[in-house]
C-alpha atoms as a PDB file:
ATOM      1  CA  MET A   1     148.181  60.350 410.618  1.00  0.00           C
ATOM      2  CA  GLU A   2     151.450  61.386 408.290  1.00  0.00           C
ATOM      3  CA  ILE A   3     153.476  64.348 409.796  1.00  0.00           C
ATOM      4  CA  ASN A   4     153.577  65.918 406.128  1.00  0.00           C
ATOM      5  CA  ALA A   5     149.895  66.030 405.998  1.00  0.00           C
ATOM      6  CA  LEU A   6     149.637  67.935 409.214  1.00  0.00           C
ATOM      7  CA  ARG A   7     152.312  70.259 408.016  1.00  0.00           C
ATOM      8  CA  THR A   8     150.192  70.867 405.125  1.00  0.00           C
ATOM      9  CA  VAL A   9     147.089  71.721 406.782  1.00  0.00           C
ATOM     10  CA  GLN A  10     149.108  73.963 408.989  1.00  0.00           C
ATOM     11  CA  LEU A  11     150.158  75.948 406.065  1.00  0.00           C
ATOM     12  CA  VAL A  12     146.827  76.176 404.801  1.00  0.00           C
ATOM     13  CA  ALA A  13     145.860  77.794 407.966  1.00  0.00           C
ATOM     14  CA  GLN A  14     148.850  80.215 407.603  1.00  0.00           C
ATOM     15  CA  HIS A  15     148.112  81.162 403.933  1.00  0.00           C
ATOM     16  CA  GLY A  16     144.163  80.622 403.999  1.00  0.00           C
ATOM     17  CA  SER A  17     144.343  79.176 400.580  1.00  0.00           C
ATOM     18  CA  PHE A  18     144.963  75.870 399.037  1.00  0.00           C
ATOM     19  CA  ALA A  19     146.493  77.579 395.849  1.00  0.00           C
ATOM     20  CA  ALA A  20     148.930  79.593 397.832  1.00  0.00           C
ATOM     21  CA  VAL A  21     149.983  76.576 399.634  1.00  0.00           C
ATOM     22  CA  ALA A  22     150.379  74.650 396.339  1.00  0.00           C
ATOM     23  CA  ARG A  23     152.637  77.421 395.126  1.00  0.00           C
ATOM     24  CA  VAL A  24     154.915  77.436 398.184  1.00  0.00           C
ATOM     25  CA  MET A  25     154.934  73.438 397.927  1.00  0.00           C
ATOM     26  CA  GLY A  26     155.407  73.349 394.181  1.00  0.00           C
ATOM     27  CA  VAL A  27     152.380  70.922 393.848  1.00  0.00           C
ATOM     28  CA  ASP A  28     148.899  71.022 392.213  1.00  0.00           C
ATOM     29  CA  PRO A  29     146.162  72.774 394.462  1.00  0.00           C
ATOM     30  CA  SER A  30     143.906  69.708 394.156  1.00  0.00           C
ATOM     31  CA  SER A  31     146.663  67.633 396.019  1.00  0.00           C
ATOM     32  CA  VAL A  32     146.694  70.083 398.688  1.00  0.00           C
ATOM     33  CA  SER A  33     142.912  70.191 398.795  1.00  0.00           C
ATOM     34  CA  ARG A  34     142.729  66.245 399.018  1.00  0.00           C
ATOM     35  CA  THR A  35     145.228  66.113 401.864  1.00  0.00           C
ATOM     36  CA  ALA A  36     143.541  68.603 403.802  1.00  0.00           C
ATOM     37  CA  ALA A  37     140.322  66.637 403.039  1.00  0.00           C
ATOM     38  CA  ALA A  38     141.978  63.412 404.358  1.00  0.00           C
ATOM     39  CA  VAL A  39     143.133  64.776 407.418  1.00  0.00           C
ATOM     40  CA  GLU A  40     139.731  65.850 408.313  1.00  0.00           C
ATOM     41  CA  ALA A  41     138.308  62.542 407.283  1.00  0.00           C
ATOM     42  CA  GLU A  42     140.645  60.982 409.747  1.00  0.00           C
ATOM     43  CA  LEU A  43     140.082  63.328 412.585  1.00  0.00           C
ATOM     44  CA  GLY A  44     136.166  63.454 412.041  1.00  0.00           C
ATOM     45  CA  LEU A  45     136.257  67.145 412.148  1.00  0.00           C
ATOM     46  CA  ARG A  46     135.770  70.002 409.526  1.00  0.00           C
ATOM     47  CA  LEU A  47     138.995  72.169 409.691  1.00  0.00           C
ATOM     48  CA  PHE A  48     138.126  74.349 407.003  1.00  0.00           C
ATOM     49  CA  GLN A  49     134.973  76.164 405.792  1.00  0.00           C
ATOM     50  CA  ARG A  50     135.121  76.069 401.946  1.00  0.00           C
ATOM     51  CA  SER A  51     133.062  78.468 399.488  1.00  0.00           C
ATOM     52  CA  THR A  52     133.863  79.489 396.051  1.00  0.00           C
ATOM     53  CA  ARG A  53     135.425  82.974 397.188  1.00  0.00           C
ATOM     54  CA  GLN A  54     137.084  81.943 400.333  1.00  0.00           C
ATOM     55  CA  LEU A  55     138.553  79.500 402.593  1.00  0.00           C
ATOM     56  CA  ARG A  56     138.197  80.144 406.516  1.00  0.00           C
ATOM     57  CA  MET A  57     138.978  78.006 409.602  1.00  0.00           C
ATOM     58  CA  THR A  58     136.238  76.603 411.514  1.00  0.00           C
ATOM     59  CA  GLU A  59     135.959  76.831 415.229  1.00  0.00           C
ATOM     60  CA  ALA A  60     136.991  73.439 415.539  1.00  0.00           C
ATOM     61  CA  GLY A  61     139.956  73.834 412.951  1.00  0.00           C
ATOM     62  CA  ALA A  62     140.935  77.135 414.893  1.00  0.00           C
ATOM     63  CA  ILE A  63     141.458  74.950 418.274  1.00  0.00           C
ATOM     64  CA  TYR A  64     143.003  72.083 416.569  1.00  0.00           C
ATOM     65  CA  LEU A  65     145.470  73.942 414.353  1.00  0.00           C
ATOM     66  CA  GLY A  66     146.340  76.152 417.338  1.00  0.00           C
ATOM     67  CA  ARG A  67     147.451  73.377 419.349  1.00  0.00           C
ATOM     68  CA  LEU A  68     148.979  71.664 416.322  1.00  0.00           C
ATOM     69  CA  GLY A  69     151.834  74.027 415.456  1.00  0.00           C
ATOM     70  CA  PRO A  70     153.649  73.945 418.852  1.00  0.00           C
ATOM     71  CA  LEU A  71     153.648  70.216 418.659  1.00  0.00           C
ATOM     72  CA  LEU A  72     155.195  70.209 414.909  1.00  0.00           C
ATOM     73  CA  ASP A  73     157.764  72.690 416.341  1.00  0.00           C
ATOM     74  CA  ASP A  74     158.644  70.539 419.175  1.00  0.00           C
ATOM     75  CA  LEU A  75     158.968  67.376 416.643  1.00  0.00           C
ATOM     76  CA  ASP A  76     161.349  69.821 414.658  1.00  0.00           C
ATOM     77  CA  LEU A  77     163.308  70.701 417.590  1.00  0.00           C
ATOM     78  CA  ALA A  78     163.851  67.107 418.680  1.00  0.00           C
ATOM     79  CA  ARG A  79     164.886  66.106 415.474  1.00  0.00           C
ATOM     80  CA  ASP A  80     167.407  68.861 415.187  1.00  0.00           C
ATOM     81  CA  ALA A  81     168.794  68.264 418.730  1.00  0.00           C
ATOM     82  CA  ALA A  82     169.507  64.600 418.025  1.00  0.00           C
ATOM     83  CA  ALA A  83     170.748  65.313 414.495  1.00  0.00           C
ATOM     84  CA  GLU A  84     173.368  67.832 415.744  1.00  0.00           C
ATOM     85  CA  ILE A  85     175.079  65.847 418.565  1.00  0.00           C
ATOM     86  CA  GLY A  86     178.789  65.691 417.667  1.00  0.00           C
ATOM     87  CA  THR A  87     178.406  67.283 414.297  1.00  0.00           C
ATOM     88  CA  ALA A  88     179.095  70.600 412.899  1.00  0.00           C
ATOM     89  CA  PRO A  89     176.320  72.932 411.945  1.00  0.00           C
ATOM     90  CA  THR A  90     174.712  72.417 408.676  1.00  0.00           C
ATOM     91  CA  GLY A  91     171.551  73.253 406.992  1.00  0.00           C
ATOM     92  CA  ARG A  92     169.796  76.449 405.893  1.00  0.00           C
ATOM     93  CA  VAL A  93     169.428  79.499 407.926  1.00  0.00           C
ATOM     94  CA  ARG A  94     167.115  82.278 406.394  1.00  0.00           C
ATOM     95  CA  ILE A  95     168.112  85.824 407.444  1.00  0.00           C
ATOM     96  CA  THR A  96     165.756  88.979 406.569  1.00  0.00           C
ATOM     97  CA  ALA A  97     167.287  92.680 406.640  1.00  0.00           C
ATOM     98  CA  SER A  98     166.444  95.755 405.124  1.00  0.00           C
ATOM     99  CA  VAL A  99     167.774  96.198 401.460  1.00  0.00           C
ATOM    100  CA  ALA A 100     170.386  98.850 402.561  1.00  0.00           C
ATOM    101  CA  PHE A 101     171.724  97.078 405.369  1.00  0.00           C
ATOM    102  CA  GLY A 102     171.863  93.751 403.371  1.00  0.00           C
ATOM    103  CA  HIS A 103     173.704  95.581 400.539  1.00  0.00           C
ATOM    104  CA  ASP A 104     176.164  97.586 402.558  1.00  0.00           C
ATOM    105  CA  VAL A 105     176.775  95.155 405.542  1.00  0.00           C
ATOM    106  CA  LEU A 106     175.671  91.793 404.904  1.00  0.00           C
ATOM    107  CA  VAL A 107     176.791  91.152 401.619  1.00  0.00           C
ATOM    108  CA  PRO A 108     180.375  92.482 402.184  1.00  0.00           C
ATOM    109  CA  ALA A 109     180.542  89.999 405.196  1.00  0.00           C
ATOM    110  CA  LEU A 110     179.358  86.929 403.244  1.00  0.00           C
ATOM    111  CA  GLY A 111     182.767  85.770 402.367  1.00  0.00           C
ATOM    112  CA  ALA A 112     184.126  85.811 406.186  1.00  0.00           C
ATOM    113  CA  LEU A 113     180.560  84.362 407.098  1.00  0.00           C
ATOM    114  CA  ARG A 114     180.897  81.500 404.607  1.00  0.00           C
ATOM    115  CA  ALA A 115     184.438  80.699 405.594  1.00  0.00           C
ATOM    116  CA  THR A 116     183.336  80.729 409.375  1.00  0.00           C
ATOM    117  CA  LEU A 117     180.377  78.449 408.748  1.00  0.00           C
ATOM    118  CA  PRO A 118     181.200  75.941 405.734  1.00  0.00           C
ATOM    119  CA  GLY A 119     178.225  73.682 406.295  1.00  0.00           C
ATOM    120  CA  ILE A 120     175.582  76.352 406.628  1.00  0.00           C
ATOM    121  CA  GLU A 121     173.571  77.556 403.423  1.00  0.00           C
ATOM    122  CA  LEU A 122     172.463  81.223 404.003  1.00  0.00           C
ATOM    123  CA  GLU A 123     169.408  82.901 402.397  1.00  0.00           C
ATOM    124  CA  LEU A 124     169.194  86.461 402.509  1.00  0.00           C
ATOM    125  CA  ILE A 125     165.636  87.959 402.413  1.00  0.00           C
ATOM    126  CA  LEU A 126     166.271  91.772 401.758  1.00  0.00           C
ATOM    127  CA  SER A 127     163.027  93.687 402.168  1.00  0.00           C
ATOM    128  CA  ASP A 128     162.215  97.236 403.464  1.00  0.00           C
ATOM    129  CA  GLN A 129     158.905  95.698 405.270  1.00  0.00           C
ATOM    130  CA  ASN A 130     159.125  93.810 408.281  1.00  0.00           C
ATOM    131  CA  VAL A 131     158.779  90.252 407.435  1.00  0.00           C
ATOM    132  CA  ASP A 132     156.633  87.974 409.743  1.00  0.00           C
ATOM    133  CA  LEU A 133     159.321  85.638 411.041  1.00  0.00           C
ATOM    134  CA  VAL A 134     156.996  82.701 412.002  1.00  0.00           C
ATOM    135  CA  ALA A 135     154.446  83.223 408.942  1.00  0.00           C
ATOM    136  CA  GLY A 136     157.491  83.256 406.595  1.00  0.00           C
ATOM    137  CA  GLN A 137     159.770  80.680 408.264  1.00  0.00           C
ATOM    138  CA  VAL A 138     162.447  82.842 408.789  1.00  0.00           C
ATOM    139  CA  ASP A 139     165.081  82.074 411.092  1.00  0.00           C
ATOM    140  CA  LEU A 140     166.729  85.424 411.996  1.00  0.00           C
ATOM    141  CA  ALA A 141     165.889  89.099 411.448  1.00  0.00           C
ATOM    142  CA  ILE A 142     168.122  92.328 411.684  1.00  0.00           C
ATOM    143  CA  ARG A 143     166.167  95.193 412.501  1.00  0.00           C
ATOM    144  CA  LEU A 144     167.340  98.858 412.708  1.00  0.00           C
ATOM    145  CA  ALA A 145     165.288 100.444 415.636  1.00  0.00           C
ATOM    146  CA  PRO A 146     165.104 101.287 419.262  1.00  0.00           C
ATOM    147  CA  ALA A 147     165.010  98.365 421.741  1.00  0.00           C
ATOM    148  CA  PRO A 148     162.592  96.013 420.284  1.00  0.00           C
ATOM    149  CA  LYS A 149     159.310  95.164 421.896  1.00  0.00           C
ATOM    150  CA  GLY A 150     157.184  92.284 421.445  1.00  0.00           C
ATOM    151  CA  ASP A 151     157.408  88.565 421.430  1.00  0.00           C
ATOM    152  CA  LEU A 152     160.600  87.946 419.757  1.00  0.00           C
ATOM    153  CA  ILE A 153     163.728  87.402 421.501  1.00  0.00           C
ATOM    154  CA  SER A 154     166.283  90.413 420.613  1.00  0.00           C
ATOM    155  CA  MET A 155     170.110  90.762 420.831  1.00  0.00           C
ATOM    156  CA  ARG A 156     172.034  93.879 420.058  1.00  0.00           C
ATOM    157  CA  LEU A 157     174.287  93.483 416.956  1.00  0.00           C
ATOM    158  CA  ARG A 158     175.906  96.739 416.771  1.00  0.00           C
ATOM    159  CA  SER A 159     175.093 100.390 417.666  1.00  0.00           C
ATOM    160  CA  THR A 160     173.958 102.932 415.059  1.00  0.00           C
ATOM    161  CA  CYS A 161     174.231 106.685 414.925  1.00  0.00           C
ATOM    162  CA  TYR A 162     172.879 108.955 412.199  1.00  0.00           C
ATOM    163  CA  ARG A 163     174.794 111.981 410.221  1.00  0.00           C
ATOM    164  CA  VAL A 164     173.217 114.825 408.350  1.00  0.00           C
ATOM    165  CA  VAL A 165     175.519 114.728 405.152  1.00  0.00           C
ATOM    166  CA  ALA A 166     175.521 116.324 401.812  1.00  0.00           C
ATOM    167  CA  SER A 167     178.064 116.430 398.619  1.00  0.00           C
ATOM    168  CA  PRO A 168     181.117 118.769 398.293  1.00  0.00           C
ATOM    169  CA  ASP A 169     179.492 120.216 395.326  1.00  0.00           C
ATOM    170  CA  TYR A 170     176.278 120.987 397.276  1.00  0.00           C
ATOM    171  CA  VAL A 171     178.418 122.688 400.150  1.00  0.00           C
ATOM    172  CA  ALA A 172     180.376 124.563 397.546  1.00  0.00           C
ATOM    173  CA  THR A 173     177.177 126.095 396.168  1.00  0.00           C
ATOM    174  CA  HIS A 174     174.945 126.422 399.028  1.00  0.00           C
ATOM    175  CA  GLY A 175     177.635 126.499 402.015  1.00  0.00           C
ATOM    176  CA  VAL A 176     177.601 124.632 405.414  1.00  0.00           C
ATOM    177  CA  PRO A 177     174.564 125.413 407.977  1.00  0.00           C
ATOM    178  CA  ALA A 178     176.102 127.108 410.624  1.00  0.00           C
ATOM    179  CA  LEU A 179     173.438 125.720 412.938  1.00  0.00           C
ATOM    180  CA  PRO A 180     171.012 122.677 412.916  1.00  0.00           C
ATOM    181  CA  ALA A 181     168.311 125.435 412.627  1.00  0.00           C
ATOM    182  CA  ASP A 182     169.560 126.669 409.532  1.00  0.00           C
ATOM    183  CA  LEU A 183     168.306 123.362 407.883  1.00  0.00           C
ATOM    184  CA  ALA A 184     165.094 124.885 407.643  1.00  0.00           C
ATOM    185  CA  ARG A 185     166.383 126.998 404.987  1.00  0.00           C
ATOM    186  CA  HIS A 186     167.741 123.994 402.751  1.00  0.00           C
ATOM    187  CA  ASP A 187     165.851 121.982 400.318  1.00  0.00           C
ATOM    188  CA  VAL A 188     166.507 118.540 402.264  1.00  0.00           C
ATOM    189  CA  LEU A 189     166.424 115.088 401.093  1.00  0.00           C
ATOM    190  CA  ARG A 190     163.940 112.981 403.066  1.00  0.00           C
ATOM    191  CA  MET A 191     162.602 109.405 403.466  1.00  0.00           C
ATOM    192  CA  THR A 192     159.043 108.518 403.200  1.00  0.00           C
ATOM    193  CA  LEU A 193     158.686 107.046 406.564  1.00  0.00           C
ATOM    194  CA  PRO A 194     156.482 109.449 408.416  1.00  0.00           C
ATOM    195  CA  GLU A 195     158.913 109.693 411.525  1.00  0.00           C
ATOM    196  CA  TYR A 196     161.635 110.781 409.224  1.00  0.00           C
ATOM    197  CA  ARG A 197     160.309 113.457 406.981  1.00  0.00           C
ATOM    198  CA  THR A 198     158.819 116.401 409.251  1.00  0.00           C
ATOM    199  CA  GLU A 199     161.777 116.848 411.851  1.00  0.00           C
ATOM    200  CA  TRP A 200     165.155 115.865 412.858  1.00  0.00           C
ATOM    201  CA  HIS A 201     166.631 115.918 416.380  1.00  0.00           C
ATOM    202  CA  PHE A 202     169.929 117.357 417.353  1.00  0.00           C
ATOM    203  CA  ARG A 203     172.141 116.717 420.425  1.00  0.00           C
ATOM    204  CA  GLY A 204     175.314 118.777 421.239  1.00  0.00           C
ATOM    205  CA  GLY A 205     177.781 118.685 423.769  1.00  0.00           C
ATOM    206  CA  GLY A 206     175.064 118.554 426.504  1.00  0.00           C
ATOM    207  CA  THR A 207     171.859 116.927 426.783  1.00  0.00           C
ATOM    208  CA  GLU A 208     169.609 119.439 425.558  1.00  0.00           C
ATOM    209  CA  ILE A 209     167.902 118.104 422.414  1.00  0.00           C
ATOM    210  CA  GLN A 210     167.027 120.733 419.655  1.00  0.00           C
ATOM    211  CA  THR A 211     164.038 119.807 417.150  1.00  0.00           C
ATOM    212  CA  VAL A 212     164.287 121.193 413.593  1.00  0.00           C
ATOM    213  CA  PRO A 213     161.559 121.086 411.049  1.00  0.00           C
ATOM    214  CA  VAL A 214     162.818 119.910 407.688  1.00  0.00           C
ATOM    215  CA  SER A 215     161.159 120.203 404.289  1.00  0.00           C
ATOM    216  CA  GLY A 216     162.221 119.379 400.814  1.00  0.00           C
ATOM    217  CA  ARG A 217     160.720 118.353 397.458  1.00  0.00           C
ATOM    218  CA  LEU A 218     162.147 115.110 397.115  1.00  0.00           C
ATOM    219  CA  LEU A 219     160.938 111.964 399.123  1.00  0.00           C
ATOM    220  CA  ILE A 220     162.798 108.653 398.811  1.00  0.00           C
ATOM    221  CA  SER A 221     161.443 105.525 400.056  1.00  0.00           C
ATOM    222  CA  ASN A 222     164.827 103.706 400.056  1.00  0.00           C
ATOM    223  CA  ALA A 223     168.087 104.247 402.164  1.00  0.00           C
ATOM    224  CA  LEU A 224     170.316 103.427 399.047  1.00  0.00           C
ATOM    225  CA  ALA A 225     168.794 105.730 396.546  1.00  0.00           C
ATOM    226  CA  LEU A 226     168.524 108.505 399.197  1.00  0.00           C
ATOM    227  CA  ARG A 227     172.464 108.158 399.770  1.00  0.00           C
ATOM    228  CA  ALA A 228     172.783 108.431 395.888  1.00  0.00           C
ATOM    229  CA  ALA A 229     170.902 111.582 395.769  1.00  0.00           C
ATOM    230  CA  ALA A 230     173.089 113.047 398.408  1.00  0.00           C
ATOM    231  CA  LEU A 231     176.240 112.047 396.342  1.00  0.00           C
ATOM    232  CA  ALA A 232     174.651 113.661 393.587  1.00  0.00           C
ATOM    233  CA  GLY A 233     174.373 116.923 395.107  1.00  0.00           C
ATOM    234  CA  LEU A 234     170.797 117.252 395.415  1.00  0.00           C
ATOM    235  CA  GLY A 235     170.753 118.233 398.873  1.00  0.00           C
ATOM    236  CA  PRO A 236     171.259 117.078 402.739  1.00  0.00           C
ATOM    237  CA  ALA A 237     170.326 113.898 403.714  1.00  0.00           C
ATOM    238  CA  LEU A 238     170.075 112.027 407.094  1.00  0.00           C
ATOM    239  CA  LEU A 239     171.551 108.618 406.904  1.00  0.00           C
ATOM    240  CA  ALA A 240     173.163 105.760 409.071  1.00  0.00           C
ATOM    241  CA  ASP A 241     176.904 105.696 409.834  1.00  0.00           C
ATOM    242  CA  TRP A 242     177.323 102.317 408.529  1.00  0.00           C
ATOM    243  CA  MET A 243     175.947 103.621 404.987  1.00  0.00           C
ATOM    244  CA  ILE A 244     178.176 106.824 404.936  1.00  0.00           C
ATOM    245  CA  ASP A 245     181.442 106.481 407.021  1.00  0.00           C
ATOM    246  CA  THR A 246     183.418 105.422 403.861  1.00  0.00           C
ATOM    247  CA  ASP A 247     181.978 108.218 401.742  1.00  0.00           C
ATOM    248  CA  ILE A 248     182.927 110.925 404.553  1.00  0.00           C
ATOM    249  CA  ALA A 249     186.636 109.221 404.871  1.00  0.00           C
ATOM    250  CA  ALA A 250     186.874 109.552 401.036  1.00  0.00           C
ATOM    251  CA  GLY A 251     185.577 113.063 400.743  1.00  0.00           C
ATOM    252  CA  ARG A 252     182.638 111.954 398.939  1.00  0.00           C
ATOM    253  CA  LEU A 253     180.249 113.247 401.591  1.00  0.00           C
ATOM    254  CA  VAL A 254     180.660 116.051 404.111  1.00  0.00           C
ATOM    255  CA  ASP A 255     179.402 115.637 407.520  1.00  0.00           C
ATOM    256  CA  LEU A 256     177.490 118.909 408.312  1.00  0.00           C
ATOM    257  CA  PHE A 257     177.274 118.606 411.938  1.00  0.00           C
ATOM    258  CA  PRO A 258     180.268 116.588 413.241  1.00  0.00           C
ATOM    259  CA  ASP A 259     179.845 117.816 417.061  1.00  0.00           C
ATOM    260  CA  HIS A 260     176.039 116.725 417.025  1.00  0.00           C
ATOM    261  CA  ASP A 261     174.237 113.428 417.509  1.00  0.00           C
ATOM    262  CA  VAL A 262     171.433 113.203 414.999  1.00  0.00           C
ATOM    263  CA  THR A 263     168.274 111.244 414.901  1.00  0.00           C
ATOM    264  CA  ALA A 264     164.704 111.300 413.583  1.00  0.00           C
ATOM    265  CA  THR A 265     163.401 109.034 416.275  1.00  0.00           C
ATOM    266  CA  THR A 266     165.509 108.196 419.345  1.00  0.00           C
ATOM    267  CA  PHE A 267     169.180 108.500 420.103  1.00  0.00           C
ATOM    268  CA  GLU A 268     169.200 104.970 421.390  1.00  0.00           C
ATOM    269  CA  THR A 269     169.075 103.112 418.148  1.00  0.00           C
ATOM    270  CA  ALA A 270     170.862 100.061 417.287  1.00  0.00           C
ATOM    271  CA  ALA A 271     170.844  96.921 414.637  1.00  0.00           C
ATOM    272  CA  TRP A 272     169.117  94.174 416.549  1.00  0.00           C
ATOM    273  CA  LEU A 273     169.113  90.420 415.997  1.00  0.00           C
ATOM    274  CA  LEU A 274     165.550  89.061 416.316  1.00  0.00           C
ATOM    275  CA  TYR A 275     164.308  85.330 416.321  1.00  0.00           C
ATOM    276  CA  PRO A 276     161.230  83.603 417.416  1.00  0.00           C
ATOM    277  CA  SER A 277     161.027  82.827 421.050  1.00  0.00           C
ATOM    278  CA  ARG A 278     161.817  78.994 421.400  1.00  0.00           C
ATOM    279  CA  ALA A 279     162.578  76.760 424.217  1.00  0.00           C
ATOM    280  CA  TYR A 280     165.496  75.473 422.045  1.00  0.00           C
ATOM    281  CA  LEU A 281     167.616  77.281 419.435  1.00  0.00           C
ATOM    282  CA  PRO A 282     169.012  75.066 416.643  1.00  0.00           C
ATOM    283  CA  THR A 283     172.581  74.794 416.437  1.00  0.00           C
ATOM    284  CA  LYS A 284     172.781  76.142 413.184  1.00  0.00           C
ATOM    285  CA  VAL A 285     170.907  79.490 414.138  1.00  0.00           C
ATOM    286  CA  ARG A 286     173.060  80.003 417.226  1.00  0.00           C
ATOM    287  CA  ALA A 287     176.183  79.463 414.963  1.00  0.00           C
ATOM    288  CA  VAL A 288     175.049  82.176 412.488  1.00  0.00           C
ATOM    289  CA  ILE A 289     174.099  84.544 415.450  1.00  0.00           C
ATOM    290  CA  ASP A 290     177.656  84.206 416.917  1.00  0.00           C
ATOM    291  CA  ALA A 291     179.302  84.494 413.460  1.00  0.00           C
ATOM    292  CA  LEU A 292     177.111  87.717 412.769  1.00  0.00           C
ATOM    293  CA  ARG A 293     178.136  89.296 416.005  1.00  0.00           C
ATOM    294  CA  TYR A 294     181.891  88.453 415.440  1.00  0.00           C
ATOM    295  CA  HIS A 295     182.048  89.912 412.020  1.00  0.00           C
ATOM    296  CA  LEU A 296     179.642  92.853 412.393  1.00  0.00           C
ATOM    297  CA  ARG A 297     180.344  94.212 415.734  1.00  0.00           C
END
């Protein structure tokens, strides 16, 4: 049985549609359907139950395709391991990150990354949604969060912290809040994420944490737009250090509470590198991980 045919039925199982797989592969849907039917005929099993409205796996299909995935992964790993002996890392590595982190951190580092990895083709998938690495065939993810949990392998890329900032024009008009609690009287700029838009947490010189309720008439779903609104003088905003350090240094934004640590979730946040758990990590992916840790540390 041809390996490519098995990969095709695996994609059908992942996407749940002949048409969706055809779009991914750039072929006609009837070609995908014929390949699936040929695999079923050779196996003597029906893998998919077809109807005019939907396509779903049979019980036999779920068992077969559940075991097929790891076997195909092992074949890929065996091929990569053999090909990489005595050669510089080459090939495409797909990386996903948030739009803001990609724009402000990854893109400025691309020149150094390309110089370090001349044989690697980098594909950036910038999205504020958490992309499924396995289903999306993505090699690496950069997530901004507390220590991740789950099946993915995680590695700290760099620590992050947050600041409450406002423009000099806003400060000139409304003044600098003397205490974090004074923010309750300000029309703050808020992210639409539930954990960011109701309360912020402050920690001064000691370990005591003060929780301050926040409110404002403007909610924004994208961190880049939130920073732009703060720069425009529309109100105070809670933003990550990697977004605003240069703005603070240049005087475009003012750190309202420089003696406090601030967060909307937890103080132990970082940028994490995540990748699917595998017995063998391709050399090209390991090379990109090492380069990212060197250039973005």
